[in-house]
PDB file of N, CA and C in Angstrom:
ATOM      1  N   MET A   1      -5.613  20.323 -14.071  1.00  0.00           N
ATOM      2  CA  MET A   1      -5.026  21.054 -13.032  1.00  0.00           C
ATOM      3  C   MET A   1      -3.537  21.739 -12.990  1.00  0.00           C
ATOM      4  N   ASP A   2      -3.347  22.571 -12.393  1.00  0.00           N
ATOM      5  CA  ASP A   2      -2.086  23.152 -13.014  1.00  0.00           C
ATOM      6  C   ASP A   2      -1.279  22.867 -11.734  1.00  0.00           C
ATOM      7  N   PHE A   3       0.018  23.177 -11.999  1.00  0.00           N
ATOM      8  CA  PHE A   3       1.180  22.420 -11.116  1.00  0.00           C
ATOM      9  C   PHE A   3       1.114  23.075  -9.485  1.00  0.00           C
ATOM     10  N   LEU A   4       0.583  24.639  -9.497  1.00  0.00           N
ATOM     11  CA  LEU A   4       0.501  25.053  -8.274  1.00  0.00           C
ATOM     12  C   LEU A   4      -0.346  24.228  -7.599  1.00  0.00           C
ATOM     13  N   GLY A   5      -1.641  23.936  -7.826  1.00  0.00           N
ATOM     14  CA  GLY A   5      -2.794  23.375  -7.330  1.00  0.00           C
ATOM     15  C   GLY A   5      -2.119  22.072  -6.865  1.00  0.00           C
ATOM     16  N   LEU A   6      -1.723  21.203  -7.607  1.00  0.00           N
ATOM     17  CA  LEU A   6      -1.118  20.226  -7.282  1.00  0.00           C
ATOM     18  C   LEU A   6      -0.174  20.164  -5.955  1.00  0.00           C
ATOM     19  N   LEU A   7       0.704  21.091  -6.202  1.00  0.00           N
ATOM     20  CA  LEU A   7       1.762  21.497  -5.214  1.00  0.00           C
ATOM     21  C   LEU A   7       0.971  21.611  -4.091  1.00  0.00           C
ATOM     22  N   ILE A   8      -0.026  22.689  -3.893  1.00  0.00           N
ATOM     23  CA  ILE A   8      -0.724  22.735  -2.527  1.00  0.00           C
ATOM     24  C   ILE A   8      -1.327  21.770  -2.123  1.00  0.00           C
ATOM     25  N   GLN A   9      -2.083  20.701  -2.693  1.00  0.00           N
ATOM     26  CA  GLN A   9      -2.473  19.607  -2.575  1.00  0.00           C
ATOM     27  C   GLN A   9      -1.478  18.759  -1.773  1.00  0.00           C
ATOM     28  N   LEU A  10      -0.522  18.516  -2.267  1.00  0.00           N
ATOM     29  CA  LEU A  10       0.498  17.658  -1.782  1.00  0.00           C
ATOM     30  C   LEU A  10       1.219  18.139  -0.592  1.00  0.00           C
ATOM     31  N   ILE A  11       1.029  19.684  -0.343  1.00  0.00           N
ATOM     32  CA  ILE A  11       1.512  20.261   1.063  1.00  0.00           C
ATOM     33  C   ILE A  11       0.563  20.199   2.021  1.00  0.00           C
ATOM     34  N   VAL A  12      -0.664  20.226   1.927  1.00  0.00           N
ATOM     35  CA  VAL A  12      -1.711  20.323   2.842  1.00  0.00           C
ATOM     36  C   VAL A  12      -1.907  18.487   2.944  1.00  0.00           C
ATOM     37  N   THR A  13      -1.588  17.634   2.325  1.00  0.00           N
ATOM     38  CA  THR A  13      -1.662  16.073   2.486  1.00  0.00           C
ATOM     39  C   THR A  13      -0.879  16.001   3.826  1.00  0.00           C
ATOM     40  N   ILE A  14       0.365  16.452   3.124  1.00  0.00           N
ATOM     41  CA  ILE A  14       1.469  16.240   4.038  1.00  0.00           C
ATOM     42  C   ILE A  14       1.378  16.579   5.437  1.00  0.00           C
ATOM     43  N   ILE A  15       0.995  17.811   5.450  1.00  0.00           N
ATOM     44  CA  ILE A  15       0.735  18.464   6.523  1.00  0.00           C
ATOM     45  C   ILE A  15      -0.262  17.791   7.541  1.00  0.00           C
ATOM     46  N   ILE A  16      -1.499  17.308   6.919  1.00  0.00           N
ATOM     47  CA  ILE A  16      -2.507  16.498   7.450  1.00  0.00           C
ATOM     48  C   ILE A  16      -1.799  15.124   7.997  1.00  0.00           C
ATOM     49  N   VAL A  17      -1.267  14.472   7.410  1.00  0.00           N
ATOM     50  CA  VAL A  17      -0.980  13.371   7.508  1.00  0.00           C
ATOM     51  C   VAL A  17       0.224  13.261   9.134  1.00  0.00           C
ATOM     52  N   ALA A  18       1.042  14.314   8.995  1.00  0.00           N
ATOM     53  CA  ALA A  18       1.766  14.740  10.092  1.00  0.00           C
ATOM     54  C   ALA A  18       1.414  15.039  11.372  1.00  0.00           C
ATOM     55  N   ILE A  19       0.247  15.630  11.263  1.00  0.00           N
ATOM     56  CA  ILE A  19      -0.705  15.825  12.665  1.00  0.00           C
ATOM     57  C   ILE A  19      -1.263  14.431  12.777  1.00  0.00           C
ATOM     58  N   ALA A  20      -1.818  13.672  11.934  1.00  0.00           N
ATOM     59  CA  ALA A  20      -2.344  12.289  12.340  1.00  0.00           C
ATOM     60  C   ALA A  20      -1.212  11.359  12.903  1.00  0.00           C
ATOM     61  N   GLU A  21       0.258  11.580  12.281  1.00  0.00           N
ATOM     62  CA  GLU A  21       1.050  11.061  12.971  1.00  0.00           C
ATOM     63  C   GLU A  21       1.477  11.230  14.637  1.00  0.00           C
ATOM     64  N   LYS A  22       1.150  12.636  14.688  1.00  0.00           N
ATOM     65  CA  LYS A  22       1.464  13.084  15.940  1.00  0.00           C
ATOM     66  C   LYS A  22       0.569  12.300  17.452  1.00  0.00           C
ATOM     67  N   ILE A  23      -0.666  12.567  16.617  1.00  0.00           N
ATOM     68  CA  ILE A  23      -1.626  12.010  17.380  1.00  0.00           C
ATOM     69  C   ILE A  23      -1.617  10.877  17.618  1.00  0.00           C
ATOM     70  N   SER A  24      -1.150   9.835  16.781  1.00  0.00           N
ATOM     71  CA  SER A  24      -1.439   8.180  17.108  1.00  0.00           C
ATOM     72  C   SER A  24      -0.007   7.990  17.238  1.00  0.00           C
ATOM     73  N   LYS A  25       0.707   8.777  17.742  1.00  0.00           N
ATOM     74  CA  LYS A  25       2.415   8.606  17.920  1.00  0.00           C
ATOM     75  C   LYS A  25       3.074   7.337  17.652  1.00  0.00           C
ATOM     76  N   THR A  26       2.714   7.239  15.746  1.00  0.00           N
ATOM     77  CA  THR A  26       3.115   6.477  15.018  1.00  0.00           C
ATOM     78  C   THR A  26       3.911   7.163  13.914  1.00  0.00           C
ATOM     79  N   GLU A  27       5.195   6.696  13.504  1.00  0.00           N
ATOM     80  CA  GLU A  27       5.561   7.357  12.145  1.00  0.00           C
ATOM     81  C   GLU A  27       5.512   6.974  11.023  1.00  0.00           C
ATOM     82  N   VAL A  28       5.095   7.168   9.759  1.00  0.00           N
ATOM     83  CA  VAL A  28       4.586   6.750   8.544  1.00  0.00           C
ATOM     84  C   VAL A  28       6.021   6.491   7.838  1.00  0.00           C
ATOM     85  N   PRO A  29       6.526   5.194   7.380  1.00  0.00           N
ATOM     86  CA  PRO A  29       7.584   5.052   7.241  1.00  0.00           C
ATOM     87  C   PRO A  29       7.753   5.947   5.477  1.00  0.00           C
ATOM     88  N   TYR A  30       9.226   6.082   5.274  1.00  0.00           N
ATOM     89  CA  TYR A  30       9.505   6.459   4.200  1.00  0.00           C
ATOM     90  C   TYR A  30       9.209   8.075   4.117  1.00  0.00           C
ATOM     91  N   GLY A  31       9.065   8.704   5.213  1.00  0.00           N
ATOM     92  CA  GLY A  31       9.052  10.017   5.303  1.00  0.00           C
ATOM     93  C   GLY A  31       8.177  10.640   4.709  1.00  0.00           C
ATOM     94  N   TRP A  32       8.537  11.816   4.301  1.00  0.00           N
ATOM     95  CA  TRP A  32       7.236  12.590   3.331  1.00  0.00           C
ATOM     96  C   TRP A  32       6.687  11.913   2.140  1.00  0.00           C
ATOM     97  N   ILE A  33       7.369  11.186   1.574  1.00  0.00           N
ATOM     98  CA  ILE A  33       6.839  10.179   0.459  1.00  0.00           C
ATOM     99  C   ILE A  33       5.798   9.277   1.292  1.00  0.00           C
ATOM    100  N   GLY A  34       6.377   8.748   2.065  1.00  0.00           N
ATOM    101  CA  GLY A  34       5.091   7.944   2.931  1.00  0.00           C
ATOM    102  C   GLY A  34       3.989   8.696   3.609  1.00  0.00           C
ATOM    103  N   ASN A  35       4.098   9.724   4.006  1.00  0.00           N
ATOM    104  CA  ASN A  35       2.844  10.807   3.933  1.00  0.00           C
ATOM    105  C   ASN A  35       2.080  11.040   2.702  1.00  0.00           C
ATOM    106  N   ILE A  36       2.428  11.353   1.487  1.00  0.00           N
ATOM    107  CA  ILE A  36       1.862  11.559   0.385  1.00  0.00           C
ATOM    108  C   ILE A  36       0.903  10.464   0.437  1.00  0.00           C
ATOM    109  N   ILE A  37       1.352   9.316   0.280  1.00  0.00           N
ATOM    110  CA  ILE A  37       0.884   7.959  -0.058  1.00  0.00           C
ATOM    111  C   ILE A  37       0.051   7.771   1.109  1.00  0.00           C
ATOM    112  N   ALA A  38       0.180   7.975   2.361  1.00  0.00           N
ATOM    113  CA  ALA A  38      -1.012   7.826   3.494  1.00  0.00           C
ATOM    114  C   ALA A  38      -1.947   8.577   3.267  1.00  0.00           C
ATOM    115  N   GLY A  39      -1.533   9.847   2.794  1.00  0.00           N
ATOM    116  CA  GLY A  39      -2.509  10.781   2.706  1.00  0.00           C
ATOM    117  C   GLY A  39      -3.628  10.650   1.815  1.00  0.00           C
ATOM    118  N   LEU A  40      -2.963  10.345   0.358  1.00  0.00           N
ATOM    119  CA  LEU A  40      -4.059  10.017  -0.509  1.00  0.00           C
ATOM    120  C   LEU A  40      -4.975   8.768  -0.398  1.00  0.00           C
ATOM    121  N   ILE A  41      -4.233   7.700   0.275  1.00  0.00           N
ATOM    122  CA  ILE A  41      -5.042   6.697   0.570  1.00  0.00           C
ATOM    123  C   ILE A  41      -5.945   6.609   1.535  1.00  0.00           C
ATOM    124  N   GLY A  42      -5.453   7.540   2.628  1.00  0.00           N
ATOM    125  CA  GLY A  42      -6.405   7.879   3.662  1.00  0.00           C
ATOM    126  C   GLY A  42      -7.682   9.006   3.269  1.00  0.00           C
ATOM    127  N   GLY A  43      -6.929   9.644   2.027  1.00  0.00           N
ATOM    128  CA  GLY A  43      -8.098  10.551   1.781  1.00  0.00           C
ATOM    129  C   GLY A  43      -9.163   9.929   1.009  1.00  0.00           C
ATOM    130  N   TRP A  44      -8.487   9.005   0.177  1.00  0.00           N
ATOM    131  CA  TRP A  44      -9.914   8.161  -0.533  1.00  0.00           C
ATOM    132  C   TRP A  44     -10.511   7.360   0.511  1.00  0.00           C
ATOM    133  N   LEU A  45      -9.899   6.760   1.429  1.00  0.00           N
ATOM    134  CA  LEU A  45     -10.759   6.220   2.651  1.00  0.00           C
ATOM    135  C   LEU A  45     -11.537   6.889   3.352  1.00  0.00           C
ATOM    136  N   GLY A  46     -11.124   7.957   3.733  1.00  0.00           N
ATOM    137  CA  GLY A  46     -11.995   8.848   4.276  1.00  0.00           C
ATOM    138  C   GLY A  46     -13.209   9.322   3.615  1.00  0.00           C
ATOM    139  N   GLN A  47     -13.072   9.549   2.311  1.00  0.00           N
ATOM    140  CA  GLN A  47     -14.349   9.791   1.519  1.00  0.00           C
ATOM    141  C   GLN A  47     -15.210   8.581   1.339  1.00  0.00           C
ATOM    142  N   ILE A  48     -14.467   7.390   1.114  1.00  0.00           N
ATOM    143  CA  ILE A  48     -15.535   6.314   1.133  1.00  0.00           C
ATOM    144  C   ILE A  48     -16.258   6.251   2.367  1.00  0.00           C
ATOM    145  N   LEU A  49     -15.792   6.418   3.521  1.00  0.00           N
ATOM    146  CA  LEU A  49     -16.418   6.132   4.895  1.00  0.00           C
ATOM    147  C   LEU A  49     -17.352   7.377   5.193  1.00  0.00           C
ATOM    148  N   LEU A  50     -16.977   8.194   4.874  1.00  0.00           N
ATOM    149  CA  LEU A  50     -17.564   9.676   5.783  1.00  0.00           C
ATOM    150  C   LEU A  50     -18.336  10.569   4.422  1.00  0.00           C
ATOM    151  N   GLY A  51     -17.896  10.042   2.903  1.00  0.00           N
ATOM    152  CA  GLY A  51     -18.826  10.835   1.835  1.00  0.00           C
ATOM    153  C   GLY A  51     -17.786  12.310   1.662  1.00  0.00           C
ATOM    154  N   ASN A  52     -18.087  12.834   0.456  1.00  0.00           N
ATOM    155  CA  ASN A  52     -17.256  14.235   0.047  1.00  0.00           C
ATOM    156  C   ASN A  52     -18.119  15.026  -0.092  1.00  0.00           C
ATOM    157  N   THR A  53     -19.188  15.275   0.693  1.00  0.00           N
ATOM    158  CA  THR A  53     -20.004  16.256   0.337  1.00  0.00           C
ATOM    159  C   THR A  53     -20.124  17.538   1.570  1.00  0.00           C
ATOM    160  N   TRP A  54     -19.139  16.888   2.267  1.00  0.00           N
ATOM    161  CA  TRP A  54     -19.258  18.099   3.538  1.00  0.00           C
ATOM    162  C   TRP A  54     -17.886  18.239   3.990  1.00  0.00           C
ATOM    163  N   GLY A  55     -17.763  19.547   4.995  1.00  0.00           N
ATOM    164  CA  GLY A  55     -16.607  19.613   5.433  1.00  0.00           C
ATOM    165  C   GLY A  55     -15.772  20.458   4.660  1.00  0.00           C
ATOM    166  N   PRO A  56     -14.776  21.111   5.315  1.00  0.00           N
ATOM    167  CA  PRO A  56     -14.020  22.194   4.739  1.00  0.00           C
ATOM    168  C   PRO A  56     -12.888  21.431   4.005  1.00  0.00           C
ATOM    169  N   SER A  57     -12.611  22.310   2.875  1.00  0.00           N
ATOM    170  CA  SER A  57     -11.381  21.476   2.063  1.00  0.00           C
ATOM    171  C   SER A  57     -10.409  22.723   1.902  1.00  0.00           C
ATOM    172  N   LEU A  58      -8.916  22.391   1.680  1.00  0.00           N
ATOM    173  CA  LEU A  58      -8.128  23.484   1.375  1.00  0.00           C
ATOM    174  C   LEU A  58      -7.351  22.790   0.224  1.00  0.00           C
ATOM    175  N   GLY A  59      -7.132  23.602  -0.876  1.00  0.00           N
ATOM    176  CA  GLY A  59      -6.635  23.350  -2.088  1.00  0.00           C
ATOM    177  C   GLY A  59      -7.102  22.257  -2.662  1.00  0.00           C
ATOM    178  N   GLY A  60      -8.198  22.021  -2.356  1.00  0.00           N
ATOM    179  CA  GLY A  60      -9.230  20.698  -3.060  1.00  0.00           C
ATOM    180  C   GLY A  60      -8.674  19.506  -2.214  1.00  0.00           C
ATOM    181  N   VAL A  61      -8.206  19.400  -0.645  1.00  0.00           N
ATOM    182  CA  VAL A  61      -8.332  18.453  -0.012  1.00  0.00           C
ATOM    183  C   VAL A  61      -9.321  18.478   1.024  1.00  0.00           C
ATOM    184  N   LEU A  62      -9.840  17.596   1.188  1.00  0.00           N
ATOM    185  CA  LEU A  62     -11.228  17.635   2.306  1.00  0.00           C
ATOM    186  C   LEU A  62     -10.490  17.136   3.634  1.00  0.00           C
ATOM    187  N   ILE A  63     -10.344  18.122   4.476  1.00  0.00           N
ATOM    188  CA  ILE A  63      -9.733  17.952   5.382  1.00  0.00           C
ATOM    189  C   ILE A  63      -9.994  16.978   6.622  1.00  0.00           C
ATOM    190  N   VAL A  64     -10.931  16.750   7.024  1.00  0.00           N
ATOM    191  CA  VAL A  64     -11.871  15.876   7.882  1.00  0.00           C
ATOM    192  C   VAL A  64     -11.637  14.646   7.337  1.00  0.00           C
ATOM    193  N   GLN A  65     -12.091  14.315   6.112  1.00  0.00           N
ATOM    194  CA  GLN A  65     -12.057  13.134   5.660  1.00  0.00           C
ATOM    195  C   GLN A  65     -10.550  12.701   5.241  1.00  0.00           C
ATOM    196  N   THR A  66      -9.912  13.405   4.900  1.00  0.00           N
ATOM    197  CA  THR A  66      -8.311  12.944   4.849  1.00  0.00           C
ATOM    198  C   THR A  66      -7.700  12.606   6.551  1.00  0.00           C
ATOM    199  N   PHE A  67      -8.094  13.384   7.396  1.00  0.00           N
ATOM    200  CA  PHE A  67      -7.410  13.265   8.456  1.00  0.00           C
ATOM    201  C   PHE A  67      -7.928  12.098   9.131  1.00  0.00           C
ATOM    202  N   ILE A  68      -8.955  11.868   9.035  1.00  0.00           N
ATOM    203  CA  ILE A  68      -9.623  10.680   9.527  1.00  0.00           C
ATOM    204  C   ILE A  68      -9.292   9.366   8.958  1.00  0.00           C
ATOM    205  N   GLY A  69      -9.245   9.443   7.611  1.00  0.00           N
ATOM    206  CA  GLY A  69      -8.801   7.985   6.872  1.00  0.00           C
ATOM    207  C   GLY A  69      -7.411   8.075   7.354  1.00  0.00           C
ATOM    208  N   ALA A  70      -6.960   9.203   7.114  1.00  0.00           N
ATOM    209  CA  ALA A  70      -5.083   8.680   7.769  1.00  0.00           C
ATOM    210  C   ALA A  70      -5.122   8.238   8.884  1.00  0.00           C
ATOM    211  N   LEU A  71      -5.685   8.397   9.894  1.00  0.00           N
ATOM    212  CA  LEU A  71      -5.547   8.087  11.344  1.00  0.00           C
ATOM    213  C   LEU A  71      -6.111   6.512  10.772  1.00  0.00           C
ATOM    214  N   VAL A  72      -6.919   6.252  10.354  1.00  0.00           N
ATOM    215  CA  VAL A  72      -7.445   5.114  10.220  1.00  0.00           C
ATOM    216  C   VAL A  72      -6.215   4.175   9.597  1.00  0.00           C
ATOM    217  N   LEU A  73      -5.834   4.757   8.681  1.00  0.00           N
ATOM    218  CA  LEU A  73      -4.961   3.850   8.030  1.00  0.00           C
ATOM    219  C   LEU A  73      -3.624   3.813   8.724  1.00  0.00           C
ATOM    220  N   ILE A  74      -3.246   4.677   9.472  1.00  0.00           N
ATOM    221  CA  ILE A  74      -2.200   4.780  10.235  1.00  0.00           C
ATOM    222  C   ILE A  74      -2.208   3.375  11.511  1.00  0.00           C
ATOM    223  N   ALA A  75      -3.493   3.079  11.950  1.00  0.00           N
ATOM    224  CA  ALA A  75      -3.772   2.743  13.077  1.00  0.00           C
ATOM    225  C   ALA A  75      -3.648   0.821  12.306  1.00  0.00           C
ATOM    226  N   VAL A  76      -4.121   0.843  10.993  1.00  0.00           N
ATOM    227  CA  VAL A  76      -4.185  -0.424  10.666  1.00  0.00           C
ATOM    228  C   VAL A  76      -2.846  -0.866  10.221  1.00  0.00           C
ATOM    229  N   VAL A  77      -1.859   0.029   9.514  1.00  0.00           N
ATOM    230  CA  VAL A  77      -0.658  -0.278   9.395  1.00  0.00           C
ATOM    231  C   VAL A  77       0.094  -1.008  10.758  1.00  0.00           C
ATOM    232  N   LYS A  78      -0.087  -0.073  11.667  1.00  0.00           N
ATOM    233  CA  LYS A  78       0.516   0.047  12.799  1.00  0.00           C
ATOM    234  C   LYS A  78      -0.151  -1.636  13.555  1.00  0.00           C
ATOM    235  N   TRP A  79      -1.183  -1.662  13.286  1.00  0.00           N
ATOM    236  CA  TRP A  79      -1.551  -3.374  13.760  1.00  0.00           C
ATOM    237  C   TRP A  79      -0.836  -4.414  13.119  1.00  0.00           C
ATOM    238  N   LEU A  80      -0.624  -4.243  11.848  1.00  0.00           N
ATOM    239  CA  LEU A  80       0.006  -5.112  11.007  1.00  0.00           C
ATOM    240  C   LEU A  80       1.373  -5.493  11.250  1.00  0.00           C
ATOM    241  N   MET A  81       1.992  -4.113  11.442  1.00  0.00           N
ATOM    242  CA  MET A  81       3.544  -4.120  11.514  1.00  0.00           C
ATOM    243  C   MET A  81       3.617  -4.965  12.974  1.00  0.00           C
ATOM    244  N   LYS A  82       2.723  -4.767  13.932  1.00  0.00           N
ATOM    245  CA  LYS A  82       2.891  -5.424  15.423  1.00  0.00           C
ATOM    246  C   LYS A  82       2.781  -6.724  15.271  1.00  0.00           C
ATOM    247  N   THR A  83       1.789  -7.361  14.231  1.00  0.00           N
ATOM    248  CA  THR A  83       1.420  -8.723  14.137  1.00  0.00           C
ATOM    249  C   THR A  83       2.370  -9.470  13.543  1.00  0.00           C
ATOM    250  N   ILE A  84       3.172  -8.817  12.353  1.00  0.00           N
ATOM    251  CA  ILE A  84       4.331  -9.423  11.623  1.00  0.00           C
ATOM    252  C   ILE A  84       5.316  -9.501  12.373  1.00  0.00           C
ATOM    253  N   LYS A  85       5.631  -8.669  13.198  1.00  0.00           N
ATOM    254  CA  LYS A  85       6.818  -8.695  14.228  1.00  0.00           C
ATOM    255  C   LYS A  85       6.772  -9.774  15.187  1.00  0.00           C
ATOM    256  N   ALA A  86       5.339  -9.768  15.805  1.00  0.00           N
ATOM    257  CA  ALA A  86       4.945 -11.153  17.005  1.00  0.00           C
ATOM    258  C   ALA A  86       5.025 -12.364  16.211  1.00  0.00           C
ATOM    259  N   ARG A  87       4.557 -12.562  14.886  1.00  0.00           N
ATOM    260  CA  ARG A  87       4.822 -13.798  14.307  1.00  0.00           C
ATOM    261  C   ARG A  87       6.232 -14.149  14.031  1.00  0.00           C
ATOM    262  N   ARG A  88       7.091 -13.179  13.751  1.00  0.00           N
ATOM    263  CA  ARG A  88       8.782 -13.505  13.690  1.00  0.00           C
ATOM    264  C   ARG A  88       9.498 -13.628  14.916  1.00  0.00           C
ATOM    265  N   ALA A  89       8.839 -13.280  15.965  1.00  0.00           N
ATOM    266  CA  ALA A  89       9.648 -13.456  17.025  1.00  0.00           C
ATOM    267  C   ALA A  89       9.245 -15.059  17.708  1.00  0.00           C
TER     268      ALA A  89
END
């Protein structure tokens, strides 16, 4: 993979996770680096849950799988953070 392809994948991933953040009303920690990590893990999780043989892709990123995986990941992290915060109080 060339540099431009990797750059496009990172940009698409950041945008998908930013949209997922807005929908879930949760901000991923560490800014755009957190978005990239959440997008990569979310994409992997989405492909495991939904498969990787269908749906649109942009720059090699499966849009639906990455979006749904990121939403699931954000929901789990949000729940964990609330649980940890409640235990400390």
